[in-house]
Structures are given as C-alpha cells and as structure tokens.
C-alpha atoms as a PDB file:
ATOM      1  CA  MET A   1      -0.043  11.017   4.788  1.00  0.00           C
ATOM      2  CA  THR A   2      -3.641  10.710   3.681  1.00  0.00           C
ATOM      3  CA  ASN A   3      -5.717  13.237   1.911  1.00  0.00           C
ATOM      4  CA  PRO A   4      -8.795  14.608   3.566  1.00  0.00           C
ATOM      5  CA  PRO A   5     -12.076  13.013   2.409  1.00  0.00           C
ATOM      6  CA  PRO A   6     -13.781  14.745  -0.494  1.00  0.00           C
ATOM      7  CA  PRO A   7     -16.482  17.212   0.398  1.00  0.00           C
ATOM      8  CA  GLY A   8     -20.063  16.127  -0.040  1.00  0.00           C
ATOM      9  CA  ASN A   9     -21.404  12.691  -0.777  1.00  0.00           C
ATOM     10  CA  TRP A  10     -19.432  11.826  -3.894  1.00  0.00           C
ATOM     11  CA  SER A  11     -16.431   9.544  -4.063  1.00  0.00           C
ATOM     12  CA  ASP A  12     -13.151  10.613  -5.511  1.00  0.00           C
ATOM     13  CA  PRO A  13     -11.175   7.813  -7.173  1.00  0.00           C
ATOM     14  CA  THR A  14      -7.924   9.514  -6.295  1.00  0.00           C
ATOM     15  CA  TRP A  15      -8.691   9.541  -2.581  1.00  0.00           C
ATOM     16  CA  SER A  16      -6.454   6.989  -0.866  1.00  0.00           C
ATOM     17  CA  ALA A  17      -8.519   6.018   2.155  1.00  0.00           C
ATOM     18  CA  GLN A  18      -9.240   2.383   2.999  1.00  0.00           C
ATOM     19  CA  PRO A  19     -12.123   0.858   1.000  1.00  0.00           C
ATOM     20  CA  SER A  20     -15.403   0.619   2.858  1.00  0.00           C
ATOM     21  CA  SER A  21     -16.180  -2.950   1.649  1.00  0.00           C
ATOM     22  CA  PRO A  22     -13.903  -5.971   1.394  1.00  0.00           C
ATOM     23  CA  ALA A  23     -12.677  -7.211  -2.008  1.00  0.00           C
ATOM     24  CA  PRO A  24     -15.065  -9.626  -3.755  1.00  0.00           C
ATOM     25  CA  ASP A  25     -14.415 -13.334  -3.403  1.00  0.00           C
ATOM     26  CA  PRO A  26     -13.236 -14.744  -6.811  1.00  0.00           C
ATOM     27  CA  THR A  27     -14.899 -18.116  -6.136  1.00  0.00           C
ATOM     28  CA  LEU A  28     -18.359 -16.517  -5.988  1.00  0.00           C
ATOM     29  CA  VAL A  29     -20.324 -15.215  -8.979  1.00  0.00           C
ATOM     30  CA  ALA A  30     -23.434 -13.216  -8.092  1.00  0.00           C
ATOM     31  CA  GLY A  31     -23.278 -14.670  -4.603  1.00  0.00           C
ATOM     32  CA  GLN A  32     -23.294 -18.287  -5.884  1.00  0.00           C
ATOM     33  CA  PRO A  33     -20.244 -20.582  -5.850  1.00  0.00           C
ATOM     34  CA  VAL A  34     -18.501 -21.114  -9.197  1.00  0.00           C
ATOM     35  CA  PRO A  35     -18.751 -24.767 -10.343  1.00  0.00           C
ATOM     36  CA  ALA A  36     -15.440 -26.547 -10.619  1.00  0.00           C
ATOM     37  CA  GLN A  37     -14.056 -27.069 -14.149  1.00  0.00           C
ATOM     38  CA  PRO A  38     -13.963 -30.666 -15.356  1.00  0.00           C
ATOM     39  CA  GLY A  39     -10.541 -32.197 -15.301  1.00  0.00           C
ATOM     40  CA  PRO A  40      -8.727 -33.758 -18.237  1.00  0.00           C
ATOM     41  CA  VAL A  41     -10.326 -36.873 -19.739  1.00  0.00           C
ATOM     42  CA  ASP A  42      -8.214 -39.955 -20.086  1.00  0.00           C
ATOM     43  CA  PRO A  43      -8.870 -41.093 -23.675  1.00  0.00           C
ATOM     44  CA  TYR A  44      -7.738 -44.619 -22.840  1.00  0.00           C
ATOM     45  CA  ALA A  45     -10.103 -45.048 -19.900  1.00  0.00           C
ATOM     46  CA  PRO A  46     -12.998 -47.441 -20.627  1.00  0.00           C
ATOM     47  CA  GLY A  47     -16.188 -45.528 -21.305  1.00  0.00           C
ATOM     48  CA  ALA A  48     -14.349 -42.224 -21.850  1.00  0.00           C
ATOM     49  CA  TYR A  49     -16.223 -41.674 -25.084  1.00  0.00           C
ATOM     50  CA  ALA A  50     -19.562 -42.844 -26.393  1.00  0.00           C
ATOM     51  CA  PRO A  51     -19.351 -45.832 -28.737  1.00  0.00           C
ATOM     52  CA  ASP A  52     -19.256 -45.012 -32.445  1.00  0.00           C
ATOM     53  CA  PRO A  53     -22.721 -45.780 -33.908  1.00  0.00           C
ATOM     54  CA  TYR A  54     -21.160 -46.164 -37.381  1.00  0.00           C
ATOM     55  CA  ALA A  55     -18.458 -48.607 -36.352  1.00  0.00           C
ATOM     56  CA  PRO A  56     -18.573 -51.865 -38.321  1.00  0.00           C
ATOM     57  CA  VAL A  57     -20.291 -54.699 -36.532  1.00  0.00           C
ATOM     58  CA  ASP A  58     -18.777 -58.151 -36.710  1.00  0.00           C
ATOM     59  CA  PRO A  59     -21.656 -60.519 -37.578  1.00  0.00           C
ATOM     60  CA  TYR A  60     -19.505 -63.485 -36.549  1.00  0.00           C
ATOM     61  CA  ALA A  61     -18.666 -62.156 -33.068  1.00  0.00           C
ATOM     62  CA  GLY A  62     -20.999 -64.651 -31.331  1.00  0.00           C
ATOM     63  CA  ALA A  63     -20.031 -67.429 -33.709  1.00  0.00           C
ATOM     64  CA  LYS A  64     -16.355 -66.939 -33.004  1.00  0.00           C
ATOM     65  CA  GLN A  65     -16.900 -67.199 -29.265  1.00  0.00           C
ATOM     66  CA  SER A  66     -19.084 -70.280 -29.504  1.00  0.00           C
ATOM     67  CA  ALA A  67     -16.830 -71.849 -32.125  1.00  0.00           C
ATOM     68  CA  ALA A  68     -13.869 -71.675 -29.781  1.00  0.00           C
ATOM     69  CA  GLN A  69     -14.758 -75.068 -28.278  1.00  0.00           C
ATOM     70  CA  PRO A  70     -17.415 -76.675 -30.449  1.00  0.00           C
ATOM     71  CA  MET A  71     -18.787 -80.065 -29.672  1.00  0.00           C
ATOM     72  CA  PRO A  72     -17.818 -82.733 -32.181  1.00  0.00           C
ATOM     73  CA  GLY A  73     -20.377 -82.874 -34.995  1.00  0.00           C
ATOM     74  CA  TYR A  74     -22.231 -79.824 -33.707  1.00  0.00           C
ATOM     75  CA  ALA A  75     -22.277 -76.375 -35.321  1.00  0.00           C
ATOM     76  CA  PRO A  76     -23.672 -73.608 -33.107  1.00  0.00           C
ATOM     77  CA  PRO A  77     -26.424 -71.408 -34.558  1.00  0.00           C
ATOM     78  CA  GLY A  78     -25.107 -68.640 -36.790  1.00  0.00           C
ATOM     79  CA  TYR A  79     -21.773 -70.377 -37.276  1.00  0.00           C
ATOM     80  CA  ALA A  80     -20.410 -70.806 -40.775  1.00  0.00           C
ATOM     81  CA  PRO A  81     -17.106 -72.342 -41.764  1.00  0.00           C
ATOM     82  CA  PRO A  82     -14.570 -69.889 -43.197  1.00  0.00           C
ATOM     83  CA  GLY A  83     -15.386 -69.040 -46.800  1.00  0.00           C
ATOM     84  CA  TYR A  84     -19.121 -69.772 -46.445  1.00  0.00           C
ATOM     85  CA  ALA A  85     -22.044 -67.476 -45.731  1.00  0.00           C
ATOM     86  CA  PRO A  86     -23.875 -67.908 -42.430  1.00  0.00           C
ATOM     87  CA  PRO A  87     -27.343 -69.485 -42.543  1.00  0.00           C
ATOM     88  CA  GLY A  88     -30.012 -67.126 -43.813  1.00  0.00           C
ATOM     89  CA  TYR A  89     -27.599 -65.062 -45.929  1.00  0.00           C
ATOM     90  CA  PRO A  90     -27.095 -65.413 -49.685  1.00  0.00           C
ATOM     91  CA  PRO A  91     -23.782 -66.936 -50.707  1.00  0.00           C
ATOM     92  CA  GLN A  92     -21.025 -64.516 -51.628  1.00  0.00           C
ATOM     93  CA  TYR A  93     -19.193 -65.401 -54.800  1.00  0.00           C
ATOM     94  CA  PRO A  94     -15.666 -64.008 -54.978  1.00  0.00           C
ATOM     95  CA  GLY A  95     -14.817 -62.202 -58.184  1.00  0.00           C
ATOM     96  CA  TYR A  96     -18.338 -61.054 -58.950  1.00  0.00           C
ATOM     97  CA  GLY A  97     -18.000 -57.312 -58.461  1.00  0.00           C
ATOM     98  CA  TYR A  98     -19.725 -54.467 -60.198  1.00  0.00           C
ATOM     99  CA  PRO A  99     -21.830 -55.185 -63.278  1.00  0.00           C
ATOM    100  CA  GLN A 100     -19.924 -54.732 -66.505  1.00  0.00           C
ATOM    101  CA  PRO A 101     -21.087 -52.116 -69.027  1.00  0.00           C
ATOM    102  CA  PRO A 102     -22.674 -53.492 -72.178  1.00  0.00           C
ATOM    103  CA  LYS A 103     -20.447 -54.384 -75.108  1.00  0.00           C
ATOM    104  CA  THR A 104     -19.983 -51.543 -77.614  1.00  0.00           C
ATOM    105  CA  ASN A 105     -21.466 -52.193 -81.043  1.00  0.00           C
ATOM    106  CA  GLY A 106     -18.725 -52.760 -83.630  1.00  0.00           C
ATOM    107  CA  MET A 107     -20.731 -51.099 -86.392  1.00  0.00           C
ATOM    108  CA  ALA A 108     -20.968 -47.911 -84.282  1.00  0.00           C
ATOM    109  CA  ILE A 109     -17.190 -47.855 -83.856  1.00  0.00           C
ATOM    110  CA  ALA A 110     -16.630 -48.366 -87.597  1.00  0.00           C
ATOM    111  CA  ALA A 111     -19.185 -45.667 -88.465  1.00  0.00           C
ATOM    112  CA  PHE A 112     -17.551 -43.171 -86.118  1.00  0.00           C
ATOM    113  CA  VAL A 113     -14.063 -43.885 -87.480  1.00  0.00           C
ATOM    114  CA  LEU A 114     -15.218 -43.565 -91.103  1.00  0.00           C
ATOM    115  CA  ALA A 115     -17.058 -40.318 -90.342  1.00  0.00           C
ATOM    116  CA  LEU A 116     -13.932 -38.854 -88.751  1.00  0.00           C
ATOM    117  CA  ILE A 117     -11.736 -39.985 -91.628  1.00  0.00           C
ATOM    118  CA  GLY A 118     -14.184 -38.055 -93.810  1.00  0.00           C
ATOM    119  CA  PHE A 119     -12.524 -34.835 -92.598  1.00  0.00           C
ATOM    120  CA  THR A 120      -9.541 -35.669 -94.803  1.00  0.00           C
ATOM    121  CA  SER A 121     -10.999 -37.817 -97.569  1.00  0.00           C
ATOM    122  CA  CYS A 122     -14.677 -36.721 -97.727  1.00  0.00           C
ATOM    123  CA  ILE A 123     -15.461 -40.008 -99.470  1.00  0.00           C
ATOM    124  CA  THR A 124     -15.857 -41.994 -96.248  1.00  0.00           C
ATOM    125  CA  ALA A 125     -18.183 -39.448 -94.578  1.00  0.00           C
ATOM    126  CA  PRO A 126     -21.427 -40.643 -96.266  1.00  0.00           C
ATOM    127  CA  ILE A 127     -20.415 -44.271 -95.625  1.00  0.00           C
ATOM    128  CA  GLY A 128     -19.919 -43.427 -91.929  1.00  0.00           C
ATOM    129  CA  ALA A 129     -23.327 -41.709 -91.786  1.00  0.00           C
ATOM    130  CA  ILE A 130     -25.103 -44.690 -93.363  1.00  0.00           C
ATOM    131  CA  LEU A 131     -23.304 -47.151 -91.090  1.00  0.00           C
ATOM    132  CA  GLY A 132     -24.302 -44.943 -88.131  1.00  0.00           C
ATOM    133  CA  HIS A 133     -27.983 -45.409 -89.012  1.00  0.00           C
ATOM    134  CA  VAL A 134     -27.500 -49.172 -89.307  1.00  0.00           C
ATOM    135  CA  ALA A 135     -25.650 -49.235 -85.971  1.00  0.00           C
ATOM    136  CA  GLN A 136     -28.459 -47.312 -84.239  1.00  0.00           C
ATOM    137  CA  LYS A 137     -30.983 -49.891 -85.404  1.00  0.00           C
ATOM    138  CA  GLN A 138     -28.759 -52.747 -84.184  1.00  0.00           C
ATOM    139  CA  ILE A 139     -28.279 -51.047 -80.811  1.00  0.00           C
ATOM    140  CA  ARG A 140     -32.035 -50.599 -80.364  1.00  0.00           C
ATOM    141  CA  LEU A 141     -32.619 -54.291 -81.084  1.00  0.00           C
ATOM    142  CA  SER A 142     -29.707 -55.811 -79.142  1.00  0.00           C
ATOM    143  CA  GLY A 143     -29.260 -53.365 -76.242  1.00  0.00           C
ATOM    144  CA  GLU A 144     -25.530 -52.995 -76.864  1.00  0.00           C
ATOM    145  CA  GLY A 145     -23.589 -49.847 -76.032  1.00  0.00           C
ATOM    146  CA  GLY A 146     -22.329 -47.253 -78.507  1.00  0.00           C
ATOM    147  CA  ALA A 147     -25.482 -45.231 -79.167  1.00  0.00           C
ATOM    148  CA  GLY A 148     -23.573 -41.965 -78.667  1.00  0.00           C
ATOM    149  CA  MET A 149     -20.891 -43.019 -81.132  1.00  0.00           C
ATOM    150  CA  ALA A 150     -23.500 -43.954 -83.721  1.00  0.00           C
ATOM    151  CA  LYS A 151     -25.275 -40.616 -83.313  1.00  0.00           C
ATOM    152  CA  ALA A 152     -21.979 -38.715 -83.600  1.00  0.00           C
ATOM    153  CA  ALA A 153     -21.130 -40.675 -86.765  1.00  0.00           C
ATOM    154  CA  ILE A 154     -24.500 -39.758 -88.269  1.00  0.00           C
ATOM    155  CA  ILE A 155     -24.149 -36.055 -87.455  1.00  0.00           C
ATOM    156  CA  VAL A 156     -20.508 -35.699 -88.553  1.00  0.00           C
ATOM    157  CA  GLY A 157     -21.024 -37.907 -91.612  1.00  0.00           C
ATOM    158  CA  TRP A 158     -24.020 -35.986 -92.963  1.00  0.00           C
ATOM    159  CA  ILE A 159     -22.441 -32.572 -92.279  1.00  0.00           C
ATOM    160  CA  LEU A 160     -19.279 -33.569 -94.138  1.00  0.00           C
ATOM    161  CA  THR A 161     -21.379 -35.097 -96.920  1.00  0.00           C
ATOM    162  CA  GLY A 162     -23.223 -31.771 -97.243  1.00  0.00           C
ATOM    163  CA  PHE A 163     -19.905 -29.937 -97.522  1.00  0.00           C
ATOM    164  CA  LEU A 164     -18.752 -32.465-100.141  1.00  0.00           C
ATOM    165  CA  VAL A 165     -21.905 -31.914-102.213  1.00  0.00           C
ATOM    166  CA  LEU A 166     -21.478 -28.133-101.890  1.00  0.00           C
ATOM    167  CA  VAL A 167     -17.837 -28.309-103.040  1.00  0.00           C
ATOM    168  CA  ILE A 168     -18.760 -30.517-106.016  1.00  0.00           C
ATOM    169  CA  ALA A 169     -21.555 -28.095-106.967  1.00  0.00           C
ATOM    170  CA  ILE A 170     -19.159 -25.124-106.791  1.00  0.00           C
ATOM    171  CA  TYR A 171     -16.592 -26.973-108.950  1.00  0.00           C
ATOM    172  CA  ALA A 172     -19.281 -27.959-111.463  1.00  0.00           C
ATOM    173  CA  ALA A 173     -20.548 -24.360-111.621  1.00  0.00           C
ATOM    174  CA  ALA A 174     -16.990 -23.092-112.132  1.00  0.00           C
ATOM    175  CA  ILE A 175     -16.406 -25.574-114.951  1.00  0.00           C
ATOM    176  CA  ILE A 176     -19.704 -24.697-116.634  1.00  0.00           C
ATOM    177  CA  TYR A 177     -18.935 -20.983-116.279  1.00  0.00           C
ATOM    178  CA  ALA A 178     -15.439 -21.484-117.736  1.00  0.00           C
ATOM    179  CA  ILE A 179     -16.808 -23.384-120.719  1.00  0.00           C
ATOM    180  CA  ALA A 180     -19.567 -20.832-121.352  1.00  0.00           C
ATOM    181  CA  THR A 181     -17.244 -17.853-121.328  1.00  0.00           C
ATOM    182  CA  SER A 182     -14.437 -19.363-123.362  1.00  0.00           C
ATOM    183  CA  ASP A 183     -14.000 -18.621-127.034  1.00  0.00           C
ATOM    184  CA  ASN A 184     -15.265 -21.381-129.224  1.00  0.00           C
ATOM    185  CA  SER A 185     -13.166 -20.175-132.111  1.00  0.00           C
ATOM    186  CA  SER A 186      -9.959 -21.921-132.695  1.00  0.00           C
ATOM    187  CA  SER A 187      -7.069 -19.756-133.457  1.00  0.00           C
ATOM    188  CA  SER A 188      -5.472 -20.523-136.768  1.00  0.00           C
ATOM    189  CA  TYR A 189      -1.822 -19.968-137.323  1.00  0.00           C
END
C-alpha cells in the first residue's frame, strides 16, 4: 500500500512513491567520466623510478668496458691500471687522510700542571703562571698548539698566587698583632 502524494508542491521524504529521476551513475562526476586510478607500480620494472641524481658515478665505467679486450701495448683513453689515478687527476696517496692538529707545546702542559698543583701546594702556582707566559710566547713564534692551556695556567697561577700572598699577609699581621699585644715583662718566680 502506498501513501497518497503530499498536498501542494513540496516533497515529503517519508512518501514512498517511486523516484522521479534515476539514480546517479557512480562513474560520472559532474557529468564527466571519472579517470581510472593508476595501477600498482612494479618496483623492479626498468624505468619504474627516475634515476637517483645523487647516486655515485663510476669514473672508470668506460675504462672498464674498453679495458675488457685491450690491444697489446695500447691503453685506451681514460684507462689507468689498478692503484693509479687516471690521466688528468692528481695521484691519490694511501694513508694521507685528514691533516693532523699541531703538536701541543710542552711548556704549556708543564705550566698547566704546575698551576693546578698550586691548589694543594701554593708554591707551584707562581711557577705555573710564569711558565704559562713563556709558553704563550713560544706558541706565538712556533705556531704549536696549547694556547688555551697556557692561558689557563696563567689565570689559575696568578689567582692562586694572589691567594698565597693574601694568606701570608694575614699570617704576618696576626704575628705582628700577637707580638704587639703580648706582655714584654717576664714573670719571675
């Protein structure tokens, strides 16, 4: 049983009459055909991907092909025997890697050690500071390494030397004060 059509010109969603227009075709969008989706790509197929622009290039690729059957006494252009650089390239020396840092100045090491020992003995601190100055001069003239160690020895050495002088001055003042306030009279028994 069907319901009677709704009165007037409005449509009732609950009315169960047959639709006036056919269902839309799912292969059409806005009246235009939907393009087909691309299928799966075979990663092993040649040309499936663009070549890597950052891939390493073998500079001997042509030399290897032409060296497969060389003529006796003839070396094709760009060919180099194994272990040698091709023509036009500088020779590569095995074992020569990164440049080594400059040698550390021995006086800077000694100055730094003596300045640090000055924390416990206080006597070696001024020696470390003086050696640090000498080491800085040597480093400027020779170009050796260890400038930071020499500067640290100078700073630590002079600070500890200042503390040593301050402690000696306090002890001297205490001794002078003790002598000045003591009784000069000897007690007689």
